[in-house]
N, C-alpha and C. Protein backbone atom coordinates (compact mmCIF):
# COMPACT_ATOMS: atom_id res chain seq x y z
N MET A 1 18.64 31.92 -13.80
CA MET A 1 19.63 30.54 -13.71
C MET A 1 19.44 30.37 -12.13
N ALA A 2 19.31 30.69 -11.12
CA ALA A 2 18.98 30.44 -9.81
C ALA A 2 17.82 29.50 -9.74
N CYS A 3 16.81 30.04 -10.30
CA CYS A 3 15.57 29.20 -10.28
C CYS A 3 15.84 27.77 -10.81
N PHE A 4 16.60 27.29 -12.06
CA PHE A 4 16.66 26.37 -12.33
C PHE A 4 17.54 25.35 -11.77
N SER A 5 18.69 25.91 -10.79
CA SER A 5 19.30 25.12 -9.68
C SER A 5 18.43 24.84 -8.75
N TRP A 6 17.48 25.79 -8.26
CA TRP A 6 16.79 25.34 -7.10
C TRP A 6 15.81 24.10 -7.72
N LEU A 7 15.06 24.40 -8.44
CA LEU A 7 14.15 23.34 -9.34
C LEU A 7 14.88 22.01 -8.93
N THR A 8 16.01 21.99 -9.94
CA THR A 8 16.86 20.68 -9.86
C THR A 8 17.02 20.13 -8.44
N SER A 9 17.70 21.21 -7.70
CA SER A 9 17.81 20.68 -6.25
C SER A 9 16.54 20.04 -5.36
N ALA A 10 15.62 20.76 -5.56
CA ALA A 10 14.31 20.43 -4.89
C ALA A 10 13.95 18.78 -5.72
N PHE A 11 13.87 18.94 -7.04
CA PHE A 11 13.54 17.43 -8.10
C PHE A 11 14.29 16.17 -7.12
N LEU A 12 16.04 16.96 -6.90
CA LEU A 12 16.85 15.64 -6.58
C LEU A 12 16.54 15.19 -4.96
N ILE A 13 16.06 16.18 -4.67
CA ILE A 13 15.78 16.07 -3.05
C ILE A 13 14.75 14.68 -3.19
N VAL A 14 13.58 15.22 -3.56
CA VAL A 14 12.29 14.56 -3.72
C VAL A 14 12.78 12.73 -4.37
N TYR A 15 13.38 12.98 -5.43
CA TYR A 15 13.87 11.74 -5.83
C TYR A 15 14.76 10.97 -5.10
N ALA A 16 15.71 11.42 -4.24
CA ALA A 16 16.27 10.76 -3.55
C ALA A 16 15.21 10.26 -2.34
N MET A 17 14.61 11.08 -1.73
CA MET A 17 13.71 10.46 -0.79
C MET A 17 12.58 9.64 -1.09
N SER A 18 12.11 9.80 -2.62
CA SER A 18 11.32 8.29 -3.09
C SER A 18 11.90 7.07 -3.01
N VAL A 19 13.31 7.29 -3.64
CA VAL A 19 14.46 5.88 -3.86
C VAL A 19 14.31 5.48 -2.05
N LEU A 20 14.81 6.40 -1.30
CA LEU A 20 14.88 5.66 0.24
C LEU A 20 13.85 4.98 0.99
N MET A 21 12.56 5.70 0.41
CA MET A 21 11.14 4.92 0.99
C MET A 21 11.10 3.76 0.45
N ALA A 22 11.22 3.54 -0.91
CA ALA A 22 11.06 2.37 -1.67
C ALA A 22 11.89 1.39 -1.04
N THR A 23 13.08 1.67 -1.13
CA THR A 23 14.16 0.27 -0.43
C THR A 23 13.83 0.15 1.36
N ALA A 24 13.49 0.83 1.96
CA ALA A 24 13.09 0.78 3.05
C ALA A 24 11.69 -0.15 2.97
N SER A 25 10.65 0.26 2.04
CA SER A 25 9.34 -0.57 2.13
C SER A 25 9.86 -2.24 1.58
N VAL A 26 10.59 -2.36 0.63
CA VAL A 26 11.27 -3.64 0.18
C VAL A 26 11.56 -4.02 1.61
N GLN A 27 12.53 -3.69 2.17
CA GLN A 27 13.24 -4.29 3.51
C GLN A 27 12.36 -4.59 4.30
N LEU A 28 11.02 -4.14 4.38
CA LEU A 28 10.28 -4.30 5.56
C LEU A 28 9.41 -5.42 4.89
N THR A 29 9.19 -5.40 3.84
CA THR A 29 8.43 -6.79 3.02
C THR A 29 9.12 -7.94 3.21
N THR A 30 10.41 -7.87 2.96
CA THR A 30 11.02 -9.02 2.97
C THR A 30 11.48 -9.57 4.17
N LYS A 31 11.18 -8.78 5.33
CA LYS A 31 11.93 -9.32 6.71
C LYS A 31 10.66 -10.25 7.29
N THR A 32 11.22 -11.21 7.78
CA THR A 32 10.16 -12.40 8.23
C THR A 32 9.81 -12.28 9.44
N ASP A 33 8.86 -12.07 10.02
CA ASP A 33 8.20 -11.87 11.37
C ASP A 33 7.69 -13.01 12.07
N ASN A 34 8.35 -13.96 11.26
CA ASN A 34 7.87 -15.66 12.06
C ASN A 34 8.91 -16.02 12.89
N PRO A 35 8.52 -15.87 13.89
CA PRO A 35 9.34 -16.50 14.87
C PRO A 35 9.59 -17.84 14.89
N TYR A 36 8.86 -18.92 14.48
CA TYR A 36 8.75 -19.99 14.05
C TYR A 36 9.86 -20.59 12.91
N HIS A 37 11.01 -21.38 13.08
CA HIS A 37 11.58 -21.38 11.56
C HIS A 37 11.58 -23.24 12.05
N PRO A 38 11.06 -24.13 11.26
CA PRO A 38 11.08 -25.29 11.41
C PRO A 38 12.46 -25.72 11.13
N THR A 39 12.86 -26.93 12.02
CA THR A 39 14.32 -27.38 11.48
C THR A 39 14.28 -28.48 11.19
N GLY A 40 13.01 -29.14 11.09
CA GLY A 40 12.83 -30.47 10.17
C GLY A 40 11.88 -31.53 10.69
N GLY A 41 10.69 -31.54 10.14
CA GLY A 41 9.49 -32.47 10.10
C GLY A 41 9.44 -32.85 11.98
N GLU A 42 8.68 -34.00 11.79
CA GLU A 42 8.07 -34.54 13.06
C GLU A 42 8.98 -34.60 13.87
N GLY A 43 8.69 -34.54 15.35
CA GLY A 43 9.44 -34.67 16.40
C GLY A 43 10.64 -33.21 16.75
N SER A 44 10.42 -32.62 15.79
CA SER A 44 11.46 -31.60 15.62
C SER A 44 11.01 -30.15 16.84
N LEU A 45 9.94 -30.40 17.43
CA LEU A 45 9.46 -29.65 18.48
C LEU A 45 9.67 -30.13 19.88
N THR A 46 9.36 -29.48 21.06
CA THR A 46 9.11 -30.04 22.15
C THR A 46 8.13 -29.45 22.55
N PRO A 47 7.39 -30.25 23.46
CA PRO A 47 5.69 -29.67 24.05
C PRO A 47 5.93 -28.16 24.04
N GLN A 48 7.00 -27.71 24.94
CA GLN A 48 7.15 -26.33 25.40
C GLN A 48 7.13 -25.44 23.97
N GLU A 49 7.66 -25.77 23.03
CA GLU A 49 7.41 -25.03 21.75
C GLU A 49 6.53 -25.00 21.15
N CYS A 50 5.36 -25.74 21.40
CA CYS A 50 4.30 -26.07 20.63
C CYS A 50 3.38 -24.50 20.67
N PRO A 51 3.06 -23.86 21.89
CA PRO A 51 2.19 -22.76 21.74
C PRO A 51 2.92 -21.43 20.91
N LYS A 52 3.87 -21.41 20.89
CA LYS A 52 4.92 -20.48 19.86
C LYS A 52 4.49 -20.54 18.62
N ALA A 53 4.58 -21.97 18.40
CA ALA A 53 4.69 -22.08 16.74
C ALA A 53 3.18 -22.39 16.47
N CYS A 54 2.09 -22.57 17.45
CA CYS A 54 0.78 -22.67 17.07
C CYS A 54 0.39 -20.96 16.95
N ASP A 55 0.87 -20.17 17.89
CA ASP A 55 0.62 -18.78 17.74
C ASP A 55 0.73 -18.06 16.45
N TYR A 56 1.97 -18.72 15.75
CA TYR A 56 2.46 -17.98 14.48
C TYR A 56 1.52 -18.78 13.68
N ARG A 57 1.06 -19.75 13.34
CA ARG A 57 0.28 -20.68 12.61
C ARG A 57 -1.16 -20.06 12.55
N CYS A 58 -1.73 -19.82 13.46
CA CYS A 58 -2.89 -19.00 13.76
C CYS A 58 -3.11 -17.60 13.56
N SER A 59 -2.17 -17.22 13.22
CA SER A 59 -1.95 -15.72 13.43
C SER A 59 -3.01 -14.84 12.08
N ALA A 60 -2.78 -15.67 11.22
CA ALA A 60 -3.87 -15.06 10.05
C ALA A 60 -5.29 -15.15 10.01
N THR A 61 -5.66 -15.98 11.07
CA THR A 61 -7.14 -16.48 10.82
C THR A 61 -8.01 -15.95 11.76
N SER A 62 -9.16 -15.95 11.19
CA SER A 62 -10.42 -15.00 12.21
C SER A 62 -10.87 -16.03 13.17
N HIS A 63 -10.61 -17.30 13.12
CA HIS A 63 -10.85 -18.43 14.25
C HIS A 63 -10.09 -18.78 14.84
N LYS A 64 -9.37 -17.85 15.53
CA LYS A 64 -8.28 -17.89 16.64
C LYS A 64 -8.12 -19.26 17.75
N LYS A 65 -9.51 -18.79 18.56
CA LYS A 65 -9.66 -20.29 19.52
C LYS A 65 -9.68 -21.49 18.85
N PRO A 66 -10.74 -21.84 18.08
CA PRO A 66 -10.52 -22.94 17.61
C PRO A 66 -9.23 -23.47 16.92
N CYS A 67 -8.66 -22.86 16.22
CA CYS A 67 -7.20 -23.14 15.43
C CYS A 67 -6.07 -22.96 16.43
N LEU A 68 -5.99 -22.45 17.44
CA LEU A 68 -5.04 -22.60 18.48
C LEU A 68 -5.41 -23.86 19.16
N PHE A 69 -6.63 -24.19 19.56
CA PHE A 69 -6.79 -25.59 20.22
C PHE A 69 -6.57 -26.53 19.50
N PHE A 70 -6.76 -26.73 18.22
CA PHE A 70 -6.47 -28.08 17.40
C PHE A 70 -5.18 -27.79 16.85
N CYS A 71 -4.58 -26.56 16.84
CA CYS A 71 -3.32 -26.96 16.73
C CYS A 71 -2.42 -27.16 17.67
N ASN A 72 -2.24 -26.89 18.84
CA ASN A 72 -1.93 -27.20 20.17
C ASN A 72 -2.04 -28.78 20.10
N MET A 73 -3.22 -29.44 20.17
CA MET A 73 -3.38 -30.73 20.03
C MET A 73 -2.83 -31.52 19.15
N CYS A 74 -2.46 -30.85 17.75
CA CYS A 74 -1.83 -31.71 17.14
C CYS A 74 -0.38 -31.67 17.42
N CYS A 75 0.12 -30.27 17.82
CA CYS A 75 1.72 -30.40 17.70
C CYS A 75 2.10 -31.30 19.12
N ASN A 76 1.33 -31.41 19.93
CA ASN A 76 1.41 -32.07 21.27
C ASN A 76 1.40 -33.73 20.95
N LYS A 77 0.90 -33.92 19.80
CA LYS A 77 0.81 -35.27 19.36
C LYS A 77 2.03 -35.79 18.27
N CYS A 78 2.09 -34.69 17.41
CA CYS A 78 3.12 -34.75 16.39
C CYS A 78 4.65 -34.26 16.46
N LEU A 79 4.28 -33.35 17.50
CA LEU A 79 5.58 -32.52 17.67
C LEU A 79 6.02 -31.68 16.71
N CYS A 80 5.48 -31.40 15.73
CA CYS A 80 5.58 -30.39 14.51
C CYS A 80 4.21 -29.84 14.32
N VAL A 81 4.87 -28.55 13.88
CA VAL A 81 3.67 -27.76 13.07
C VAL A 81 4.56 -27.10 12.00
N PRO A 82 3.48 -27.24 10.74
CA PRO A 82 3.97 -26.57 9.56
C PRO A 82 4.15 -25.16 9.35
N SER A 83 5.19 -24.82 8.65
CA SER A 83 5.94 -23.28 8.44
C SER A 83 4.67 -22.66 7.65
N GLY A 84 4.69 -21.09 8.09
CA GLY A 84 3.68 -20.15 7.63
C GLY A 84 2.72 -20.48 8.26
N THR A 85 1.58 -19.45 7.68
CA THR A 85 0.06 -19.75 8.53
C THR A 85 -0.83 -20.47 7.85
N TYR A 86 -0.45 -20.94 6.47
CA TYR A 86 -1.44 -21.41 5.76
C TYR A 86 -0.74 -22.98 4.77
N GLY A 87 -1.22 -24.01 4.80
CA GLY A 87 -0.43 -25.01 3.72
C GLY A 87 0.64 -25.61 4.43
N ASN A 88 1.56 -26.06 3.51
CA ASN A 88 3.05 -26.74 3.91
C ASN A 88 2.81 -27.67 4.79
N LYS A 89 1.92 -28.37 4.78
CA LYS A 89 1.20 -29.49 5.68
C LYS A 89 2.29 -30.97 5.44
N GLU A 90 2.72 -30.71 4.27
CA GLU A 90 3.54 -31.94 3.78
C GLU A 90 4.81 -32.02 4.40
N GLU A 91 5.14 -30.85 5.09
CA GLU A 91 6.32 -31.11 6.08
C GLU A 91 6.31 -31.81 7.13
N CYS A 92 4.69 -31.96 7.71
CA CYS A 92 4.65 -32.71 8.96
C CYS A 92 3.70 -33.89 8.54
N PRO A 93 3.99 -34.96 8.17
CA PRO A 93 2.70 -35.87 7.64
C PRO A 93 1.72 -36.30 8.71
N CYS A 94 2.17 -36.67 10.38
CA CYS A 94 1.28 -36.86 11.04
C CYS A 94 0.40 -35.76 11.40
N TYR A 95 0.75 -34.27 11.46
CA TYR A 95 -0.03 -33.23 11.32
C TYR A 95 -0.81 -33.41 10.28
N ASN A 96 -0.21 -33.59 9.15
CA ASN A 96 -1.41 -33.78 7.67
C ASN A 96 -2.34 -34.64 7.61
N ASN A 97 -2.12 -35.80 8.16
CA ASN A 97 -2.84 -37.00 8.01
C ASN A 97 -3.77 -37.40 8.91
N TRP A 98 -3.56 -36.68 9.90
CA TRP A 98 -4.28 -36.92 11.41
C TRP A 98 -6.27 -36.30 10.86
N LYS A 99 -7.05 -36.97 10.75
CA LYS A 99 -8.35 -36.89 10.27
C LYS A 99 -9.52 -36.71 11.22
N THR A 100 -10.66 -36.15 11.15
CA THR A 100 -11.83 -36.19 12.27
C THR A 100 -12.41 -37.53 11.65
N ARG A 101 -13.53 -37.79 12.52
CA ARG A 101 -14.37 -39.03 11.88
C ARG A 101 -14.86 -38.61 10.41
N GLU A 102 -15.31 -37.73 10.02
CA GLU A 102 -15.96 -37.23 8.50
C GLU A 102 -14.72 -37.46 7.73
N GLY A 103 -13.30 -37.42 8.14
CA GLY A 103 -12.56 -37.61 7.01
C GLY A 103 -11.93 -35.99 6.35
N THR A 104 -12.10 -34.95 7.23
CA THR A 104 -11.40 -33.76 6.99
C THR A 104 -10.63 -33.46 7.95
N PRO A 105 -9.70 -32.68 7.47
CA PRO A 105 -8.03 -32.29 8.50
C PRO A 105 -8.82 -31.93 9.97
N LYS A 106 -8.09 -32.85 10.66
CA LYS A 106 -8.40 -32.21 12.27
C LYS A 106 -7.22 -30.97 12.49
N CYS A 107 -6.10 -30.97 11.80
CA CYS A 107 -5.17 -29.91 12.30
C CYS A 107 -5.05 -28.66 11.03
N PRO A 108 -5.01 -27.73 11.79
CA PRO A 108 -4.82 -26.29 10.63
C PRO A 108 -3.86 -25.66 10.03
């Protein structure tokens, strides 16, 4: 009987640890590390806020230097950077519609 209660206690401890670990990983994955939270469209940033917003915008790319260069250029003109590391350009029409001579998007 003592063996059964020892096994039951061990199982409950392991189960409780796995539940705690799963809860902790869910909390870590749902927490956003994005320091830039857009407050709304073009003109919502000041030129001083552009580097921080572009650092986050370009954080997931393997081409950091060109991304940061063009993102900061676009941010200084439009005073807006889309949220996230990719997409969401509809939040900033100026940023989205600025094209190169070839017709490709200028802003990352």
